[in-house]
Amino acid sequence: MGLIEKDNVDSFNLPWYTPFSREVIEIIEMESSFEINNMKTFGMNWDPNDNDENQDYVFDKSTSGENVASCVRAALESLLASHFGEATIDELFSRYARNVGEYLSKEKTKYNFLVISMTKKS
């Protein structure tokens, strides 16, 4: 779409792997230094303002997209800016916010989290 050179996109690699809870359990057990006390998996909506407790929430795809984009920007801005350049960042996240807002207007999506309580074996 003209914002970033194709070669720059092709050379960007951000490996991301999200294991299943069973895989995490197997690794902890195989390593054998810890005992799992408790484990819980939960989901959180992409838009942090869109939650079951917020009874006053009214979906707006523009606002929702901006909320998600702000969270992602906080985590990835420096990484993306160092590879693609500072000049592209505002427009990149503006486009991202529009795309995410459009997507969320069709489907509610969640991040999945795994929280584990462990005790070090003696």
N, C-alpha and C. Protein backbone atom coordinates (compact mmCIF):
# COMPACT_ATOMS: atom_id res chain seq x y z
N MET A 1 0.82 -1.20 0.00
CA MET A 1 0.00 0.00 0.00
C MET A 1 0.86 1.25 0.00
N GLY A 2 2.16 1.09 -0.22
CA GLY A 2 3.04 2.23 -0.40
C GLY A 2 3.65 2.83 0.85
N LEU A 3 3.25 2.39 1.99
CA LEU A 3 3.79 2.98 3.23
C LEU A 3 5.19 2.46 3.53
N ILE A 4 5.41 1.18 3.29
CA ILE A 4 6.69 0.53 3.61
C ILE A 4 7.17 -0.24 2.38
N GLU A 5 8.48 -0.19 2.15
CA GLU A 5 9.04 -0.92 1.01
C GLU A 5 8.89 -2.43 1.21
N LYS A 6 8.60 -3.12 0.12
CA LYS A 6 8.39 -4.58 0.16
C LYS A 6 9.59 -5.30 0.76
N ASP A 7 10.81 -4.93 0.38
CA ASP A 7 12.01 -5.58 0.92
C ASP A 7 12.09 -5.43 2.44
N ASN A 8 11.67 -4.27 2.93
CA ASN A 8 11.69 -4.03 4.37
C ASN A 8 10.68 -4.92 5.08
N VAL A 9 9.52 -5.11 4.47
CA VAL A 9 8.50 -6.00 5.04
C VAL A 9 9.01 -7.45 5.01
N ASP A 10 9.59 -7.84 3.87
CA ASP A 10 10.08 -9.22 3.72
C ASP A 10 11.21 -9.55 4.69
N SER A 11 11.98 -8.55 5.09
CA SER A 11 13.10 -8.80 5.99
C SER A 11 12.71 -8.74 7.47
N PHE A 12 11.47 -8.40 7.76
CA PHE A 12 11.01 -8.31 9.14
C PHE A 12 10.50 -9.67 9.59
N ASN A 13 10.99 -10.13 10.74
CA ASN A 13 10.58 -11.42 11.27
C ASN A 13 10.35 -11.27 12.77
N LEU A 14 9.13 -11.54 13.18
CA LEU A 14 8.79 -11.48 14.60
C LEU A 14 8.19 -12.82 14.99
N PRO A 15 9.06 -13.78 15.34
CA PRO A 15 8.54 -15.10 15.70
C PRO A 15 7.66 -15.00 16.95
N TRP A 16 6.52 -15.63 16.88
CA TRP A 16 5.58 -15.59 17.99
C TRP A 16 4.93 -16.96 18.10
N TYR A 17 5.05 -17.55 19.24
CA TYR A 17 4.45 -18.86 19.45
C TYR A 17 3.69 -18.84 20.76
N THR A 18 2.46 -19.24 20.73
CA THR A 18 1.65 -19.31 21.93
C THR A 18 1.36 -20.77 22.22
N PRO A 19 1.97 -21.32 23.27
CA PRO A 19 1.79 -22.74 23.56
C PRO A 19 0.42 -23.04 24.15
N PHE A 20 -0.02 -24.26 23.97
CA PHE A 20 -1.21 -24.75 24.65
C PHE A 20 -0.85 -24.98 26.11
N SER A 21 -1.83 -24.92 26.99
CA SER A 21 -1.56 -25.10 28.42
C SER A 21 -0.93 -26.46 28.69
N ARG A 22 -1.33 -27.49 27.96
CA ARG A 22 -0.75 -28.83 28.15
C ARG A 22 0.75 -28.81 27.85
N GLU A 23 1.16 -28.07 26.83
CA GLU A 23 2.59 -27.97 26.50
C GLU A 23 3.37 -27.33 27.64
N VAL A 24 2.80 -26.30 28.24
CA VAL A 24 3.46 -25.63 29.36
C VAL A 24 3.61 -26.59 30.54
N ILE A 25 2.55 -27.32 30.83
CA ILE A 25 2.59 -28.31 31.92
C ILE A 25 3.68 -29.36 31.66
N GLU A 26 3.73 -29.87 30.45
CA GLU A 26 4.74 -30.88 30.10
C GLU A 26 6.15 -30.35 30.27
N ILE A 27 6.40 -29.12 29.88
CA ILE A 27 7.74 -28.52 30.02
C ILE A 27 8.10 -28.35 31.48
N ILE A 28 7.15 -27.88 32.29
CA ILE A 28 7.41 -27.70 33.73
C ILE A 28 7.69 -29.05 34.38
N GLU A 29 6.90 -30.04 34.04
CA GLU A 29 7.10 -31.37 34.62
C GLU A 29 8.42 -31.99 34.16
N MET A 30 8.77 -31.81 32.90
CA MET A 30 10.01 -32.37 32.37
C MET A 30 11.23 -31.70 33.02
N GLU A 31 11.14 -30.40 33.24
CA GLU A 31 12.25 -29.67 33.86
C GLU A 31 12.38 -30.06 35.34
N SER A 32 11.29 -30.33 36.00
CA SER A 32 11.16 -30.92 37.33
C SER A 32 11.65 -30.08 38.52
N SER A 33 11.87 -28.81 38.36
CA SER A 33 12.27 -27.97 39.49
C SER A 33 11.09 -27.38 40.23
N PHE A 34 9.90 -27.41 39.61
CA PHE A 34 8.74 -26.76 40.20
C PHE A 34 7.55 -27.71 40.25
N GLU A 35 6.70 -27.45 41.24
CA GLU A 35 5.43 -28.15 41.34
C GLU A 35 4.33 -27.14 41.04
N ILE A 36 3.39 -27.51 40.19
CA ILE A 36 2.29 -26.61 39.84
C ILE A 36 1.23 -26.69 40.93
N ASN A 37 0.94 -25.54 41.54
CA ASN A 37 -0.10 -25.46 42.58
C ASN A 37 -1.46 -25.21 41.96
N ASN A 38 -1.48 -24.33 41.00
CA ASN A 38 -2.75 -23.95 40.39
C ASN A 38 -2.47 -23.36 39.02
N MET A 39 -3.41 -23.56 38.12
CA MET A 39 -3.26 -22.99 36.78
C MET A 39 -4.63 -22.57 36.30
N LYS A 40 -4.69 -21.38 35.71
CA LYS A 40 -5.97 -20.89 35.21
C LYS A 40 -5.74 -20.23 33.85
N THR A 41 -6.64 -20.50 32.93
CA THR A 41 -6.64 -19.88 31.63
C THR A 41 -7.83 -18.94 31.57
N PHE A 42 -7.62 -17.73 31.08
CA PHE A 42 -8.74 -16.81 30.92
C PHE A 42 -8.53 -15.95 29.69
N GLY A 43 -9.61 -15.41 29.21
CA GLY A 43 -9.57 -14.56 28.03
C GLY A 43 -9.93 -13.13 28.38
N MET A 44 -9.37 -12.21 27.63
CA MET A 44 -9.67 -10.79 27.82
C MET A 44 -9.93 -10.19 26.44
N ASN A 45 -10.98 -9.41 26.33
CA ASN A 45 -11.30 -8.79 25.05
C ASN A 45 -10.15 -7.91 24.57
N TRP A 46 -9.98 -7.87 23.25
CA TRP A 46 -8.91 -7.04 22.68
C TRP A 46 -9.04 -5.60 23.16
N ASP A 47 -10.25 -5.07 23.14
CA ASP A 47 -10.46 -3.71 23.63
C ASP A 47 -10.62 -3.79 25.14
N PRO A 48 -9.70 -3.22 25.90
CA PRO A 48 -9.76 -3.35 27.36
C PRO A 48 -10.99 -2.69 27.98
N ASN A 49 -11.63 -1.76 27.26
CA ASN A 49 -12.84 -1.12 27.79
C ASN A 49 -14.09 -1.96 27.56
N ASP A 50 -14.00 -2.95 26.71
CA ASP A 50 -15.13 -3.81 26.39
C ASP A 50 -15.07 -5.05 27.27
N ASN A 51 -15.67 -4.95 28.45
CA ASN A 51 -15.67 -6.10 29.35
C ASN A 51 -17.06 -6.28 29.96
N ASP A 52 -17.28 -7.43 30.53
CA ASP A 52 -18.60 -7.77 31.05
C ASP A 52 -19.02 -6.88 32.22
N GLU A 53 -18.06 -6.35 32.98
CA GLU A 53 -18.38 -5.52 34.14
C GLU A 53 -18.79 -4.11 33.73
N ASN A 54 -18.39 -3.67 32.54
CA ASN A 54 -18.68 -2.30 32.10
C ASN A 54 -20.06 -2.26 31.45
N GLN A 55 -21.08 -2.06 32.26
CA GLN A 55 -22.47 -2.06 31.78
C GLN A 55 -22.78 -0.86 30.89
N ASP A 56 -21.99 0.20 30.99
CA ASP A 56 -22.23 1.41 30.20
C ASP A 56 -21.51 1.39 28.85
N TYR A 57 -20.79 0.32 28.57
CA TYR A 57 -19.99 0.26 27.33
C TYR A 57 -20.90 0.21 26.10
N VAL A 58 -20.59 1.08 25.14
CA VAL A 58 -21.28 1.09 23.85
C VAL A 58 -20.20 0.96 22.79
N PHE A 59 -20.30 -0.07 21.96
CA PHE A 59 -19.27 -0.32 20.95
C PHE A 59 -19.22 0.80 19.91
N ASP A 60 -18.02 1.26 19.65
CA ASP A 60 -17.75 2.20 18.57
C ASP A 60 -16.48 1.70 17.90
N LYS A 61 -16.57 1.33 16.62
CA LYS A 61 -15.43 0.67 15.99
C LYS A 61 -14.19 1.57 15.93
N SER A 62 -14.37 2.86 15.79
CA SER A 62 -13.22 3.77 15.75
C SER A 62 -12.51 3.80 17.10
N THR A 63 -13.27 4.00 18.16
CA THR A 63 -12.71 4.05 19.51
C THR A 63 -12.11 2.72 19.91
N SER A 64 -12.82 1.64 19.60
CA SER A 64 -12.34 0.32 19.95
C SER A 64 -11.03 0.01 19.22
N GLY A 65 -10.96 0.32 17.93
CA GLY A 65 -9.74 0.12 17.16
C GLY A 65 -8.58 0.92 17.72
N GLU A 66 -8.84 2.16 18.12
CA GLU A 66 -7.79 3.00 18.71
C GLU A 66 -7.32 2.44 20.05
N ASN A 67 -8.25 1.91 20.85
CA ASN A 67 -7.87 1.31 22.14
C ASN A 67 -6.91 0.13 21.94
N VAL A 68 -7.25 -0.74 21.01
CA VAL A 68 -6.41 -1.91 20.74
C VAL A 68 -5.06 -1.46 20.17
N ALA A 69 -5.10 -0.54 19.21
CA ALA A 69 -3.87 -0.06 18.59
C ALA A 69 -2.94 0.58 19.62
N SER A 70 -3.50 1.29 20.58
CA SER A 70 -2.68 1.92 21.63
C SER A 70 -1.97 0.88 22.48
N CYS A 71 -2.67 -0.20 22.81
CA CYS A 71 -2.06 -1.27 23.60
C CYS A 71 -0.93 -1.95 22.83
N VAL A 72 -1.18 -2.25 21.57
CA VAL A 72 -0.17 -2.90 20.74
C VAL A 72 1.00 -1.95 20.51
N ARG A 73 0.70 -0.69 20.29
CA ARG A 73 1.76 0.31 20.07
C ARG A 73 2.68 0.41 21.28
N ALA A 74 2.10 0.37 22.48
CA ALA A 74 2.91 0.45 23.70
C ALA A 74 3.93 -0.68 23.75
N ALA A 75 3.54 -1.85 23.26
CA ALA A 75 4.43 -3.01 23.32
C ALA A 75 5.41 -3.08 22.16
N LEU A 76 5.02 -2.63 20.98
CA LEU A 76 5.82 -2.90 19.78
C LEU A 76 6.41 -1.67 19.08
N GLU A 77 6.06 -0.48 19.50
CA GLU A 77 6.49 0.72 18.76
C GLU A 77 8.00 0.79 18.55
N SER A 78 8.78 0.61 19.59
CA SER A 78 10.23 0.76 19.44
C SER A 78 10.81 -0.30 18.50
N LEU A 79 10.29 -1.51 18.58
CA LEU A 79 10.75 -2.58 17.69
C LEU A 79 10.43 -2.25 16.22
N LEU A 80 9.20 -1.82 15.98
CA LEU A 80 8.79 -1.49 14.61
C LEU A 80 9.51 -0.24 14.09
N ALA A 81 9.67 0.77 14.94
CA ALA A 81 10.35 2.00 14.52
C ALA A 81 11.81 1.73 14.17
N SER A 82 12.46 0.85 14.91
CA SER A 82 13.87 0.57 14.63
C SER A 82 14.04 -0.16 13.30
N HIS A 83 13.04 -0.92 12.89
CA HIS A 83 13.14 -1.65 11.62
C HIS A 83 12.59 -0.85 10.45
N PHE A 84 11.42 -0.21 10.64
CA PHE A 84 10.74 0.46 9.53
C PHE A 84 10.95 1.97 9.49
N GLY A 85 11.45 2.53 10.60
CA GLY A 85 11.68 3.98 10.66
C GLY A 85 10.56 4.69 11.40
N GLU A 86 10.94 5.76 12.10
CA GLU A 86 10.00 6.56 12.90
C GLU A 86 8.90 7.19 12.04
N ALA A 87 9.24 7.58 10.83
CA ALA A 87 8.31 8.33 9.98
C ALA A 87 7.04 7.55 9.65
N THR A 88 7.09 6.24 9.69
CA THR A 88 5.94 5.42 9.29
C THR A 88 5.03 5.04 10.46
N ILE A 89 5.48 5.23 11.67
CA ILE A 89 4.79 4.67 12.83
C ILE A 89 3.38 5.22 13.03
N ASP A 90 3.21 6.54 12.97
CA ASP A 90 1.88 7.11 13.20
C ASP A 90 0.87 6.58 12.17
N GLU A 91 1.26 6.59 10.92
CA GLU A 91 0.35 6.11 9.86
C GLU A 91 0.12 4.61 9.98
N LEU A 92 1.16 3.86 10.32
CA LEU A 92 1.02 2.42 10.49
C LEU A 92 -0.03 2.09 11.55
N PHE A 93 0.05 2.74 12.71
CA PHE A 93 -0.90 2.45 13.78
C PHE A 93 -2.28 3.05 13.51
N SER A 94 -2.34 4.11 12.75
CA SER A 94 -3.63 4.66 12.34
C SER A 94 -4.36 3.66 11.44
N ARG A 95 -3.65 3.08 10.49
CA ARG A 95 -4.23 2.06 9.61
C ARG A 95 -4.60 0.81 10.41
N TYR A 96 -3.74 0.44 11.33
CA TYR A 96 -4.01 -0.72 12.16
C TYR A 96 -5.29 -0.52 12.97
N ALA A 97 -5.44 0.68 13.56
CA ALA A 97 -6.64 0.98 14.36
C ALA A 97 -7.90 0.87 13.51
N ARG A 98 -7.86 1.39 12.29
CA ARG A 98 -9.03 1.28 11.41
C ARG A 98 -9.35 -0.17 11.09
N ASN A 99 -8.32 -0.96 10.76
CA ASN A 99 -8.53 -2.37 10.42
C ASN A 99 -9.07 -3.17 11.61
N VAL A 100 -8.51 -2.95 12.78
CA VAL A 100 -8.95 -3.67 13.97
C VAL A 100 -10.38 -3.26 14.33
N GLY A 101 -10.68 -1.97 14.25
CA GLY A 101 -12.04 -1.51 14.54
C GLY A 101 -13.05 -2.16 13.62
N GLU A 102 -12.71 -2.25 12.35
CA GLU A 102 -13.59 -2.90 11.37
C GLU A 102 -13.76 -4.38 11.71
N TYR A 103 -12.68 -5.03 12.05
CA TYR A 103 -12.73 -6.46 12.40
C TYR A 103 -13.59 -6.67 13.65
N LEU A 104 -13.39 -5.85 14.68
CA LEU A 104 -14.13 -6.02 15.92
C LEU A 104 -15.61 -5.69 15.76
N SER A 105 -15.96 -4.94 14.73
CA SER A 105 -17.38 -4.66 14.48
C SER A 105 -18.09 -5.91 13.98
N LYS A 106 -17.32 -6.91 13.53
CA LYS A 106 -17.89 -8.15 13.02
C LYS A 106 -17.71 -9.32 13.97
N GLU A 107 -16.65 -9.28 14.78
CA GLU A 107 -16.35 -10.41 15.65
C GLU A 107 -15.63 -9.95 16.91
N LYS A 108 -16.17 -10.35 18.05
CA LYS A 108 -15.51 -10.05 19.33
C LYS A 108 -14.36 -11.03 19.50
N THR A 109 -13.19 -10.53 19.83
CA THR A 109 -12.00 -11.36 19.89
C THR A 109 -11.31 -11.18 21.24
N LYS A 110 -10.70 -12.26 21.73
CA LYS A 110 -10.05 -12.23 23.03
C LYS A 110 -8.58 -12.63 22.94
N TYR A 111 -7.79 -12.06 23.84
CA TYR A 111 -6.44 -12.55 24.12
C TYR A 111 -6.62 -13.66 25.13
N ASN A 112 -5.81 -14.70 25.05
CA ASN A 112 -5.87 -15.77 26.04
C ASN A 112 -4.63 -15.70 26.93
N PHE A 113 -4.86 -15.85 28.21
CA PHE A 113 -3.78 -15.78 29.19
C PHE A 113 -3.74 -17.05 30.01
N LEU A 114 -2.55 -17.43 30.40
CA LEU A 114 -2.35 -18.59 31.25
C LEU A 114 -1.60 -18.10 32.49
N VAL A 115 -2.20 -18.29 33.65
CA VAL A 115 -1.58 -17.88 34.92
C VAL A 115 -1.29 -19.15 35.71
N ILE A 116 -0.04 -19.26 36.17
CA ILE A 116 0.38 -20.47 36.87
C ILE A 116 1.00 -20.09 38.22
N SER A 117 0.56 -20.78 39.25
CA SER A 117 1.19 -20.67 40.56
C SER A 117 2.02 -21.92 40.77
N MET A 118 3.32 -21.72 41.07
CA MET A 118 4.24 -22.86 41.24
C MET A 118 5.05 -22.68 42.52
N THR A 119 5.50 -23.81 43.01
CA THR A 119 6.41 -23.82 44.16
C THR A 119 7.68 -24.54 43.74
N LYS A 120 8.81 -23.94 44.10
CA LYS A 120 10.09 -24.56 43.79
C LYS A 120 10.27 -25.79 44.67
N LYS A 121 10.60 -26.89 44.04
CA LYS A 121 10.83 -28.13 44.78
C LYS A 121 12.15 -28.02 45.53
N SER A 122 12.19 -28.64 46.72
CA SER A 122 13.43 -28.58 47.50
C SER A 122 14.39 -29.68 47.16
